[in-house]
């Protein structure tokens, strides 16, 4: 008996959006109208943030390197920090090209 009520409730709830589809309108909360504009804005924001953060990370890694006093763990940590910061910055720099390449492969204008 409970299964019948549950299945009836699920069926009725699945048709519920049809009743309200004409009355409810949702405005676009974003400033961008297309997905491409949104991705471009995100990439530009990441680029701006990375221009600030990459030099800070490199300076911190330099501090780790100078204060390591020959400890191999700290030297490796500093090297990894510099490497990862530069790789991340390179990916962010190449992001517009990567997106253009993906668009070309998918055949979108």
PDB file of N, CA and C in Angstrom:
ATOM      1  N   UNK A   1       0.812  -1.188   0.000  1.00  0.00           N
ATOM      2  CA  UNK A   1       0.000   0.000   0.000  1.00  0.00           C
ATOM      3  C   UNK A   1       0.864   1.264   0.000  1.00  0.00           C
ATOM      4  N   UNK A   2       1.986   1.250   0.787  1.00  0.00           N
ATOM      5  CA  UNK A   2       2.866   2.409   0.838  1.00  0.00           C
ATOM      6  C   UNK A   2       3.555   2.650  -0.499  1.00  0.00           C
ATOM      7  N   UNK A   3       3.900   1.597  -1.200  1.00  0.00           N
ATOM      8  CA  UNK A   3       4.567   1.744  -2.494  1.00  0.00           C
ATOM      9  C   UNK A   3       3.656   2.448  -3.492  1.00  0.00           C
ATOM     10  N   UNK A   4       2.360   2.170  -3.412  1.00  0.00           N
ATOM     11  CA  UNK A   4       1.424   2.799  -4.337  1.00  0.00           C
ATOM     12  C   UNK A   4       1.355   4.297  -4.069  1.00  0.00           C
ATOM     13  N   UNK A   5       1.320   4.694  -2.803  1.00  0.00           N
ATOM     14  CA  UNK A   5       1.289   6.125  -2.478  1.00  0.00           C
ATOM     15  C   UNK A   5       2.593   6.814  -2.887  1.00  0.00           C
ATOM     16  N   UNK A   6       3.686   6.129  -2.675  1.00  0.00           N
ATOM     17  CA  UNK A   6       4.979   6.690  -3.028  1.00  0.00           C
ATOM     18  C   UNK A   6       5.101   6.872  -4.536  1.00  0.00           C
ATOM     19  N   UNK A   7       4.705   5.867  -5.289  1.00  0.00           N
ATOM     20  CA  UNK A   7       4.800   5.985  -6.746  1.00  0.00           C
ATOM     21  C   UNK A   7       3.840   7.045  -7.272  1.00  0.00           C
ATOM     22  N   UNK A   8       2.673   7.183  -6.679  1.00  0.00           N
ATOM     23  CA  UNK A   8       1.721   8.225  -7.083  1.00  0.00           C
ATOM     24  C   UNK A   8       2.291   9.602  -6.790  1.00  0.00           C
ATOM     25  N   UNK A   9       2.936   9.754  -5.642  1.00  0.00           N
ATOM     26  CA  UNK A   9       3.530  11.043  -5.279  1.00  0.00           C
ATOM     27  C   UNK A   9       4.675  11.396  -6.221  1.00  0.00           C
ATOM     28  N   UNK A  10       5.470  10.420  -6.585  1.00  0.00           N
ATOM     29  CA  UNK A  10       6.584  10.673  -7.502  1.00  0.00           C
ATOM     30  C   UNK A  10       6.062  11.088  -8.870  1.00  0.00           C
ATOM     31  N   UNK A  11       5.040  10.422  -9.348  1.00  0.00           N
ATOM     32  CA  UNK A  11       4.465  10.764 -10.649  1.00  0.00           C
ATOM     33  C   UNK A  11       3.873  12.167 -10.618  1.00  0.00           C
ATOM     34  N   UNK A  12       3.145  12.499  -9.577  1.00  0.00           N
ATOM     35  CA  UNK A  12       2.552  13.830  -9.481  1.00  0.00           C
ATOM     36  C   UNK A  12       3.620  14.920  -9.371  1.00  0.00           C
ATOM     37  N   UNK A  13       4.661  14.654  -8.606  1.00  0.00           N
ATOM     38  CA  UNK A  13       5.729  15.643  -8.465  1.00  0.00           C
ATOM     39  C   UNK A  13       6.527  15.808  -9.751  1.00  0.00           C
ATOM     40  N   UNK A  14       6.583  14.760 -10.563  1.00  0.00           N
ATOM     41  CA  UNK A  14       7.311  14.891 -11.823  1.00  0.00           C
ATOM     42  C   UNK A  14       6.581  15.789 -12.813  1.00  0.00           C
ATOM     43  N   UNK A  15       5.240  15.862 -12.700  1.00  0.00           N
ATOM     44  CA  UNK A  15       4.469  16.744 -13.580  1.00  0.00           C
ATOM     45  C   UNK A  15       4.304  18.152 -13.017  1.00  0.00           C
ATOM     46  N   UNK A  16       4.729  18.375 -11.802  1.00  0.00           N
ATOM     47  CA  UNK A  16       4.567  19.671 -11.157  1.00  0.00           C
ATOM     48  C   UNK A  16       5.232  20.818 -11.912  1.00  0.00           C
ATOM     49  N   UNK A  17       6.449  20.660 -12.454  1.00  0.00           N
ATOM     50  CA  UNK A  17       7.046  21.781 -13.197  1.00  0.00           C
ATOM     51  C   UNK A  17       6.240  22.211 -14.424  1.00  0.00           C
ATOM     52  N   UNK A  18       5.482  21.294 -15.003  1.00  0.00           N
ATOM     53  CA  UNK A  18       4.667  21.652 -16.167  1.00  0.00           C
ATOM     54  C   UNK A  18       3.590  22.675 -15.813  1.00  0.00           C
ATOM     55  N   UNK A  19       3.080  22.598 -14.600  1.00  0.00           N
ATOM     56  CA  UNK A  19       2.027  23.521 -14.194  1.00  0.00           C
ATOM     57  C   UNK A  19       2.554  24.928 -13.943  1.00  0.00           C
ATOM     58  N   UNK A  20       3.801  25.018 -13.500  1.00  0.00           N
ATOM     59  CA  UNK A  20       4.363  26.318 -13.158  1.00  0.00           C
ATOM     60  C   UNK A  20       5.299  26.881 -14.227  1.00  0.00           C
ATOM     61  N   UNK A  21       5.451  26.182 -15.320  1.00  0.00           N
ATOM     62  CA  UNK A  21       6.409  26.627 -16.329  1.00  0.00           C
ATOM     63  C   UNK A  21       5.993  27.931 -16.995  1.00  0.00           C
ATOM     64  N   UNK A  22       4.722  28.210 -17.094  1.00  0.00           N
ATOM     65  CA  UNK A  22       4.259  29.437 -17.724  1.00  0.00           C
ATOM     66  C   UNK A  22       4.302  30.618 -16.764  1.00  0.00           C
ATOM     67  N   UNK A  23       4.142  30.392 -15.496  1.00  0.00           N
ATOM     68  CA  UNK A  23       3.998  31.487 -14.549  1.00  0.00           C
ATOM     69  C   UNK A  23       5.332  31.980 -13.978  1.00  0.00           C
ATOM     70  N   UNK A  24       6.333  31.132 -13.943  1.00  0.00           N
ATOM     71  CA  UNK A  24       7.585  31.479 -13.285  1.00  0.00           C
ATOM     72  C   UNK A  24       8.630  31.835 -14.332  1.00  0.00           C
ATOM     73  N   UNK A  25       9.250  32.996 -14.161  1.00  0.00           N
ATOM     74  CA  UNK A  25      10.379  33.370 -15.004  1.00  0.00           C
ATOM     75  C   UNK A  25      11.561  33.676 -14.098  1.00  0.00           C
ATOM     76  N   UNK A  26      12.718  33.220 -14.520  1.00  0.00           N
ATOM     77  CA  UNK A  26      13.934  33.434 -13.740  1.00  0.00           C
ATOM     78  C   UNK A  26      14.868  34.297 -14.575  1.00  0.00           C
ATOM     79  N   UNK A  27      15.258  35.424 -14.014  1.00  0.00           N
ATOM     80  CA  UNK A  27      16.192  36.302 -14.700  1.00  0.00           C
ATOM     81  C   UNK A  27      17.597  35.743 -14.594  1.00  0.00           C
ATOM     82  N   UNK A  28      18.414  36.041 -15.590  1.00  0.00           N
ATOM     83  CA  UNK A  28      19.796  35.591 -15.616  1.00  0.00           C
ATOM     84  C   UNK A  28      20.576  36.331 -14.525  1.00  0.00           C
ATOM     85  N   UNK A  29      21.093  35.617 -13.516  1.00  0.00           N
ATOM     86  CA  UNK A  29      21.837  36.293 -12.445  1.00  0.00           C
ATOM     87  C   UNK A  29      23.265  36.668 -12.857  1.00  0.00           C
ATOM     88  N   UNK A  30      23.720  36.154 -13.976  1.00  0.00           N
ATOM     89  CA  UNK A  30      25.083  36.427 -14.417  1.00  0.00           C
ATOM     90  C   UNK A  30      25.105  37.631 -15.338  1.00  0.00           C
ATOM     91  N   UNK A  31      26.261  38.221 -15.490  1.00  0.00           N
ATOM     92  CA  UNK A  31      26.420  39.356 -16.390  1.00  0.00           C
ATOM     93  C   UNK A  31      26.673  38.915 -17.822  1.00  0.00           C
ATOM     94  N   UNK A  32      26.821  37.622 -18.051  1.00  0.00           N
ATOM     95  CA  UNK A  32      27.185  37.109 -19.365  1.00  0.00           C
ATOM     96  C   UNK A  32      26.015  36.324 -19.929  1.00  0.00           C
ATOM     97  N   UNK A  33      25.846  36.446 -21.245  1.00  0.00           N
ATOM     98  CA  UNK A  33      24.716  35.796 -21.888  1.00  0.00           C
ATOM     99  C   UNK A  33      25.059  34.423 -22.448  1.00  0.00           C
ATOM    100  N   UNK A  34      26.323  34.187 -22.773  1.00  0.00           N
ATOM    101  CA  UNK A  34      26.704  32.895 -23.345  1.00  0.00           C
ATOM    102  C   UNK A  34      27.747  32.220 -22.461  1.00  0.00           C
ATOM    103  N   UNK A  35      27.857  30.919 -22.674  1.00  0.00           N
ATOM    104  CA  UNK A  35      28.833  30.135 -21.927  1.00  0.00           C
ATOM    105  C   UNK A  35      30.255  30.579 -22.261  1.00  0.00           C
ATOM    106  N   UNK A  36      30.474  30.932 -23.522  1.00  0.00           N
ATOM    107  CA  UNK A  36      31.801  31.384 -23.949  1.00  0.00           C
ATOM    108  C   UNK A  36      32.211  32.671 -23.236  1.00  0.00           C
ATOM    109  N   UNK A  37      31.276  33.596 -23.078  1.00  0.00           N
ATOM    110  CA  UNK A  37      31.577  34.841 -22.360  1.00  0.00           C
ATOM    111  C   UNK A  37      31.904  34.556 -20.902  1.00  0.00           C
ATOM    112  N   UNK A  38      31.190  33.611 -20.299  1.00  0.00           N
ATOM    113  CA  UNK A  38      31.449  33.245 -18.910  1.00  0.00           C
ATOM    114  C   UNK A  38      32.842  32.647 -18.752  1.00  0.00           C
ATOM    115  N   UNK A  39      33.215  31.712 -19.636  1.00  0.00           N
ATOM    116  CA  UNK A  39      34.534  31.089 -19.560  1.00  0.00           C
ATOM    117  C   UNK A  39      35.630  32.127 -19.780  1.00  0.00           C
ATOM    118  N   UNK A  40      35.419  33.044 -20.727  1.00  0.00           N
ATOM    119  CA  UNK A  40      36.400  34.092 -20.976  1.00  0.00           C
ATOM    120  C   UNK A  40      36.574  34.977 -19.743  1.00  0.00           C
ATOM    121  N   UNK A  41      35.485  35.306 -19.079  1.00  0.00           N
ATOM    122  CA  UNK A  41      35.567  36.121 -17.867  1.00  0.00           C
ATOM    123  C   UNK A  41      36.303  35.379 -16.749  1.00  0.00           C
ATOM    124  N   UNK A  42      36.056  34.084 -16.622  1.00  0.00           N
ATOM    125  CA  UNK A  42      36.746  33.287 -15.601  1.00  0.00           C
ATOM    126  C   UNK A  42      38.245  33.236 -15.892  1.00  0.00           C
ATOM    127  N   UNK A  43      38.598  33.025 -17.168  1.00  0.00           N
ATOM    128  CA  UNK A  43      40.013  32.961 -17.537  1.00  0.00           C
ATOM    129  C   UNK A  43      40.690  34.307 -17.277  1.00  0.00           C
ATOM    130  N   UNK A  44      40.024  35.395 -17.633  1.00  0.00           N
ATOM    131  CA  UNK A  44      40.607  36.714 -17.376  1.00  0.00           C
ATOM    132  C   UNK A  44      40.799  36.960 -15.884  1.00  0.00           C
ATOM    133  N   UNK A  45      39.848  36.508 -15.066  1.00  0.00           N
ATOM    134  CA  UNK A  45      39.982  36.641 -13.614  1.00  0.00           C
ATOM    135  C   UNK A  45      41.136  35.816 -13.075  1.00  0.00           C
ATOM    136  N   UNK A  46      41.259  34.573 -13.563  1.00  0.00           N
ATOM    137  CA  UNK A  46      42.378  33.730 -13.133  1.00  0.00           C
ATOM    138  C   UNK A  46      43.713  34.313 -13.562  1.00  0.00           C
ATOM    139  N   UNK A  47      43.753  34.899 -14.753  1.00  0.00           N
ATOM    140  CA  UNK A  47      44.978  35.526 -15.237  1.00  0.00           C
ATOM    141  C   UNK A  47      45.388  36.676 -14.319  1.00  0.00           C
ATOM    142  N   UNK A  48      44.416  37.509 -13.944  1.00  0.00           N
ATOM    143  CA  UNK A  48      44.701  38.643 -13.062  1.00  0.00           C
ATOM    144  C   UNK A  48      45.192  38.167 -11.698  1.00  0.00           C
ATOM    145  N   UNK A  49      44.534  37.158 -11.158  1.00  0.00           N
ATOM    146  CA  UNK A  49      44.936  36.631  -9.847  1.00  0.00           C
ATOM    147  C   UNK A  49      46.322  36.003  -9.928  1.00  0.00           C
ATOM    148  N   UNK A  50      46.596  35.289 -11.025  1.00  0.00           N
ATOM    149  CA  UNK A  50      47.892  34.613 -11.131  1.00  0.00           C
ATOM    150  C   UNK A  50      49.044  35.595 -11.279  1.00  0.00           C
ATOM    151  N   UNK A  51      48.786  36.733 -11.918  1.00  0.00           N
ATOM    152  CA  UNK A  51      49.852  37.742 -12.036  1.00  0.00           C
ATOM    153  C   UNK A  51      50.273  38.228 -10.655  1.00  0.00           C
ATOM    154  N   UNK A  52      49.363  38.233  -9.716  1.00  0.00           N
ATOM    155  CA  UNK A  52      49.679  38.664  -8.357  1.00  0.00           C
ATOM    156  C   UNK A  52      50.281  37.514  -7.546  1.00  0.00           C
ATOM    157  N   UNK A  53      49.710  36.312  -7.666  1.00  0.00           N
ATOM    158  CA  UNK A  53      50.108  35.215  -6.796  1.00  0.00           C
ATOM    159  C   UNK A  53      51.419  34.541  -7.184  1.00  0.00           C
ATOM    160  N   UNK A  54      51.705  34.422  -8.464  1.00  0.00           N
ATOM    161  CA  UNK A  54      52.921  33.707  -8.885  1.00  0.00           C
ATOM    162  C   UNK A  54      54.185  34.360  -8.327  1.00  0.00           C
ATOM    163  N   UNK A  55      54.360  35.674  -8.428  1.00  0.00           N
ATOM    164  CA  UNK A  55      55.568  36.253  -7.815  1.00  0.00           C
ATOM    165  C   UNK A  55      55.627  36.066  -6.303  1.00  0.00           C
ATOM    166  N   UNK A  56      54.474  36.104  -5.649  1.00  0.00           N
ATOM    167  CA  UNK A  56      54.452  35.892  -4.191  1.00  0.00           C
ATOM    168  C   UNK A  56      54.908  34.480  -3.861  1.00  0.00           C
ATOM    169  N   UNK A  57      54.408  33.494  -4.609  1.00  0.00           N
ATOM    170  CA  UNK A  57      54.804  32.104  -4.369  1.00  0.00           C
ATOM    171  C   UNK A  57      56.285  31.920  -4.649  1.00  0.00           C
ATOM    172  N   UNK A  58      56.806  32.556  -5.677  1.00  0.00           N
ATOM    173  CA  UNK A  58      58.234  32.439  -5.993  1.00  0.00           C
ATOM    174  C   UNK A  58      59.087  33.075  -4.896  1.00  0.00           C
ATOM    175  N   UNK A  59      58.641  34.188  -4.353  1.00  0.00           N
ATOM    176  CA  UNK A  59      59.372  34.825  -3.246  1.00  0.00           C
ATOM    177  C   UNK A  59      59.346  33.932  -2.008  1.00  0.00           C
ATOM    178  N   UNK A  60      58.197  33.336  -1.724  1.00  0.00           N
ATOM    179  CA  UNK A  60      58.105  32.422  -0.568  1.00  0.00           C
ATOM    180  C   UNK A  60      59.006  31.215  -0.781  1.00  0.00           C
ATOM    181  N   UNK A  61      59.019  30.679  -2.008  1.00  0.00           N
ATOM    182  CA  UNK A  61      59.897  29.547  -2.307  1.00  0.00           C
ATOM    183  C   UNK A  61      61.360  29.948  -2.171  1.00  0.00           C
ATOM    184  N   UNK A  62      61.682  31.168  -2.589  1.00  0.00           N
ATOM    185  CA  UNK A  62      63.053  31.657  -2.403  1.00  0.00           C
ATOM    186  C   UNK A  62      63.416  31.752  -0.934  1.00  0.00           C
ATOM    187  N   UNK A  63      62.475  32.184  -0.113  1.00  0.00           N
ATOM    188  CA  UNK A  63      62.706  32.239   1.333  1.00  0.00           C
ATOM    189  C   UNK A  63      62.962  30.838   1.878  1.00  0.00           C
ATOM    190  N   UNK A  64      62.163  29.856   1.440  1.00  0.00           N
ATOM    191  CA  UNK A  64      62.368  28.474   1.873  1.00  0.00           C
ATOM    192  C   UNK A  64      63.752  27.993   1.441  1.00  0.00           C
ATOM    193  N   UNK A  65      64.150  28.354   0.233  1.00  0.00           N
ATOM    194  CA  UNK A  65      65.439  27.912  -0.288  1.00  0.00           C
ATOM    195  C   UNK A  65      66.591  28.513   0.506  1.00  0.00           C
ATOM    196  N   UNK A  66      66.486  29.812   0.822  1.00  0.00           N
ATOM    197  CA  UNK A  66      67.557  30.488   1.553  1.00  0.00           C
ATOM    198  C   UNK A  66      67.629  29.998   2.996  1.00  0.00           C
ATOM    199  N   UNK A  67      66.497  29.765   3.614  1.00  0.00           N
ATOM    200  CA  UNK A  67      66.490  29.348   5.022  1.00  0.00           C
ATOM    201  C   UNK A  67      66.565  27.839   5.196  1.00  0.00           C
ATOM    202  N   UNK A  68      66.783  27.096   4.129  1.00  0.00           N
ATOM    203  CA  UNK A  68      66.816  25.635   4.244  1.00  0.00           C
ATOM    204  C   UNK A  68      68.054  25.131   4.973  1.00  0.00           C
ATOM    205  N   UNK A  69      69.130  25.897   4.969  1.00  0.00           N
ATOM    206  CA  UNK A  69      70.387  25.552   5.625  1.00  0.00           C
ATOM    207  C   UNK A  69      70.828  24.141   5.223  1.00  0.00           C
ATOM    208  N   UNK A  70      70.642  23.825   3.967  1.00  0.00           N
ATOM    209  CA  UNK A  70      71.111  22.541   3.453  1.00  0.00           C
ATOM    210  C   UNK A  70      70.188  21.368   3.696  1.00  0.00           C
ATOM    211  N   UNK A  71      69.021  21.594   4.304  1.00  0.00           N
ATOM    212  CA  UNK A  71      68.093  20.486   4.513  1.00  0.00           C
ATOM    213  C   UNK A  71      67.445  20.124   3.171  1.00  0.00           C
ATOM    214  N   UNK A  72      67.609  18.882   2.749  1.00  0.00           N
ATOM    215  CA  UNK A  72      67.113  18.494   1.429  1.00  0.00           C
ATOM    216  C   UNK A  72      65.589  18.596   1.296  1.00  0.00           C
ATOM    217  N   UNK A  73      64.868  18.387   2.376  1.00  0.00           N
ATOM    218  CA  UNK A  73      63.401  18.466   2.308  1.00  0.00           C
ATOM    219  C   UNK A  73      62.935  19.885   1.984  1.00  0.00           C
ATOM    220  N   UNK A  74      63.537  20.881   2.639  1.00  0.00           N
ATOM    221  CA  UNK A  74      63.152  22.260   2.382  1.00  0.00           C
ATOM    222  C   UNK A  74      63.589  22.719   0.984  1.00  0.00           C
ATOM    223  N   UNK A  75      64.747  22.247   0.549  1.00  0.00           N
ATOM    224  CA  UNK A  75      65.209  22.592  -0.793  1.00  0.00           C
ATOM    225  C   UNK A  75      64.260  21.999  -1.832  1.00  0.00           C
ATOM    226  N   UNK A  76      63.865  20.744  -1.642  1.00  0.00           N
ATOM    227  CA  UNK A  76      62.910  20.120  -2.566  1.00  0.00           C
ATOM    228  C   UNK A  76      61.560  20.812  -2.532  1.00  0.00           C
ATOM    229  N   UNK A  77      61.125  21.227  -1.357  1.00  0.00           N
ATOM    230  CA  UNK A  77      59.862  21.954  -1.247  1.00  0.00           C
ATOM    231  C   UNK A  77      59.933  23.262  -2.013  1.00  0.00           C
ATOM    232  N   UNK A  78      61.036  23.976  -1.883  1.00  0.00           N
ATOM    233  CA  UNK A  78      61.196  25.244  -2.595  1.00  0.00           C
ATOM    234  C   UNK A  78      61.225  25.020  -4.103  1.00  0.00           C
ATOM    235  N   UNK A  79      61.928  24.002  -4.552  1.00  0.00           N
ATOM    236  CA  UNK A  79      61.991  23.709  -5.986  1.00  0.00           C
ATOM    237  C   UNK A  79      60.609  23.347  -6.532  1.00  0.00           C
ATOM    238  N   UNK A  80      59.870  22.542  -5.781  1.00  0.00           N
ATOM    239  CA  UNK A  80      58.528  22.157  -6.219  1.00  0.00           C
ATOM    240  C   UNK A  80      57.594  23.362  -6.263  1.00  0.00           C
ATOM    241  N   UNK A  81      57.720  24.256  -5.286  1.00  0.00           N
ATOM    242  CA  UNK A  81      56.868  25.442  -5.275  1.00  0.00           C
ATOM    243  C   UNK A  81      57.108  26.293  -6.517  1.00  0.00           C
ATOM    244  N   UNK A  82      58.372  26.490  -6.851  1.00  0.00           N
ATOM    245  CA  UNK A  82      58.703  27.290  -8.036  1.00  0.00           C
ATOM    246  C   UNK A  82      58.217  26.582  -9.300  1.00  0.00           C
ATOM    247  N   UNK A  83      58.456  25.293  -9.387  1.00  0.00           N
ATOM    248  CA  UNK A  83      58.047  24.530 -10.559  1.00  0.00           C
ATOM    249  C   UNK A  83      56.525  24.569 -10.748  1.00  0.00           C
ATOM    250  N   UNK A  84      55.786  24.310  -9.672  1.00  0.00           N
ATOM    251  CA  UNK A  84      54.328  24.286  -9.780  1.00  0.00           C
ATOM    252  C   UNK A  84      53.760  25.671 -10.066  1.00  0.00           C
ATOM    253  N   UNK A  85      54.359  26.699  -9.494  1.00  0.00           N
ATOM    254  CA  UNK A  85      53.890  28.061  -9.772  1.00  0.00           C
ATOM    255  C   UNK A  85      54.098  28.405 -11.244  1.00  0.00           C
ATOM    256  N   UNK A  86      55.245  28.052 -11.789  1.00  0.00           N
ATOM    257  CA  UNK A  86      55.520  28.349 -13.194  1.00  0.00           C
ATOM    258  C   UNK A  86      54.658  27.507 -14.134  1.00  0.00           C
ATOM    259  N   UNK A  87      54.432  26.244 -13.805  1.00  0.00           N
ATOM    260  CA  UNK A  87      53.564  25.397 -14.626  1.00  0.00           C
ATOM    261  C   UNK A  87      52.133  25.932 -14.605  1.00  0.00           C
ATOM    262  N   UNK A  88      51.643  26.284 -13.432  1.00  0.00           N
ATOM    263  CA  UNK A  88      50.292  26.846 -13.331  1.00  0.00           C
ATOM    264  C   UNK A  88      50.157  28.141 -14.102  1.00  0.00           C
ATOM    265  N   UNK A  89      51.167  28.996 -14.014  1.00  0.00           N
ATOM    266  CA  UNK A  89      51.122  30.257 -14.742  1.00  0.00           C
ATOM    267  C   UNK A  89      51.166  30.011 -16.248  1.00  0.00           C
ATOM    268  N   UNK A  90      51.955  29.039 -16.675  1.00  0.00           N
ATOM    269  CA  UNK A  90      52.025  28.697 -18.090  1.00  0.00           C
ATOM    270  C   UNK A  90      50.686  28.174 -18.597  1.00  0.00           C
ATOM    271  N   UNK A  91      50.017  27.358 -17.803  1.00  0.00           N
ATOM    272  CA  UNK A  91      48.696  26.848 -18.194  1.00  0.00           C
ATOM    273  C   UNK A  91      47.698  27.984 -18.299  1.00  0.00           C
ATOM    274  N   UNK A  92      47.737  28.913 -17.358  1.00  0.00           N
ATOM    275  CA  UNK A  92      46.818  30.055 -17.408  1.00  0.00           C
ATOM    276  C   UNK A  92      47.121  30.931 -18.613  1.00  0.00           C
ATOM    277  N   UNK A  93      48.400  31.111 -18.940  1.00  0.00           N
ATOM    278  CA  UNK A  93      48.759  31.890 -20.124  1.00  0.00           C
ATOM    279  C   UNK A  93      48.275  31.211 -21.411  1.00  0.00           C
ATOM    280  N   UNK A  94      48.325  29.895 -21.428  1.00  0.00           N
ATOM    281  CA  UNK A  94      47.933  29.157 -22.615  1.00  0.00           C
ATOM    282  C   UNK A  94      46.428  28.865 -22.679  1.00  0.00           C
ATOM    283  N   UNK A  95      45.678  29.249 -21.656  1.00  0.00           N
ATOM    284  CA  UNK A  95      44.274  28.850 -21.565  1.00  0.00           C
ATOM    285  C   UNK A  95      43.437  29.359 -22.733  1.00  0.00           C
ATOM    286  N   UNK A  96      43.663  30.568 -23.177  1.00  0.00           N
ATOM    287  CA  UNK A  96      42.893  31.074 -24.316  1.00  0.00           C
ATOM    288  C   UNK A  96      43.215  30.276 -25.577  1.00  0.00           C
ATOM    289  N   UNK A  97      44.458  29.910 -25.743  1.00  0.00           N
ATOM    290  CA  UNK A  97      44.830  29.078 -26.881  1.00  0.00           C
ATOM    291  C   UNK A  97      44.233  27.690 -26.790  1.00  0.00           C
ATOM    292  N   UNK A  98      44.194  27.146 -25.571  1.00  0.00           N
ATOM    293  CA  UNK A  98      43.596  25.824 -25.366  1.00  0.00           C
ATOM    294  C   UNK A  98      42.118  25.864 -25.715  1.00  0.00           C
ATOM    295  N   UNK A  99      41.431  26.912 -25.305  1.00  0.00           N
ATOM    296  CA  UNK A  99      40.006  27.044 -25.604  1.00  0.00           C
ATOM    297  C   UNK A  99      39.787  27.189 -27.104  1.00  0.00           C
ATOM    298  N   UNK A 100      40.626  27.976 -27.767  1.00  0.00           N
ATOM    299  CA  UNK A 100      40.515  28.124 -29.226  1.00  0.00           C
ATOM    300  C   UNK A 100      40.751  26.782 -29.920  1.00  0.00           C
ATOM    301  N   UNK A 101      41.708  26.008 -29.418  1.00  0.00           N
ATOM    302  CA  UNK A 101      41.981  24.688 -29.989  1.00  0.00           C
ATOM    303  C   UNK A 101      40.791  23.758 -29.806  1.00  0.00           C
ATOM    304  N   UNK A 102      40.200  23.744 -28.618  1.00  0.00           N
ATOM    305  CA  UNK A 102      39.035  22.893 -28.351  1.00  0.00           C
ATOM    306  C   UNK A 102      37.869  23.299 -29.247  1.00  0.00           C
ATOM    307  N   UNK A 103      37.664  24.613 -29.420  1.00  0.00           N
ATOM    308  CA  UNK A 103      36.595  25.070 -30.296  1.00  0.00           C
ATOM    309  C   UNK A 103      36.840  24.627 -31.731  1.00  0.00           C
ATOM    310  N   UNK A 104      38.091  24.651 -32.173  1.00  0.00           N
ATOM    311  CA  UNK A 104      38.405  24.229 -33.534  1.00  0.00           C
ATOM    312  C   UNK A 104      38.180  22.729 -33.703  1.00  0.00           C
ATOM    313  N   UNK A 105      38.575  21.944 -32.701  1.00  0.00           N
ATOM    314  CA  UNK A 105      38.382  20.498 -32.782  1.00  0.00           C
ATOM    315  C   UNK A 105      36.893  20.150 -32.804  1.00  0.00           C
ATOM    316  N   UNK A 106      36.115  20.848 -31.982  1.00  0.00           N
ATOM    317  CA  UNK A 106      34.674  20.588 -31.944  1.00  0.00           C
ATOM    318  C   UNK A 106      33.941  21.190 -33.138  1.00  0.00           C
ATOM    319  N   UNK A 107      34.591  22.088 -33.841  1.00  0.00           N
ATOM    320  CA  UNK A 107      33.973  22.689 -35.020  1.00  0.00           C
ATOM    321  C   UNK A 107      32.991  23.787 -34.728  1.00  0.00           C
ATOM    322  N   UNK A 108      33.109  24.433 -33.587  1.00  0.00           N
ATOM    323  CA  UNK A 108      32.215  25.551 -33.274  1.00  0.00           C
ATOM    324  C   UNK A 108      32.840  26.847 -33.769  1.00  0.00           C
ATOM    325  N   UNK A 109      32.001  27.823 -34.117  1.00  0.00           N
ATOM    326  CA  UNK A 109      32.546  29.096 -34.627  1.00  0.00           C
ATOM    327  C   UNK A 109      33.199  29.932 -33.543  1.00  0.00           C
TER     328      UNK A 109
END
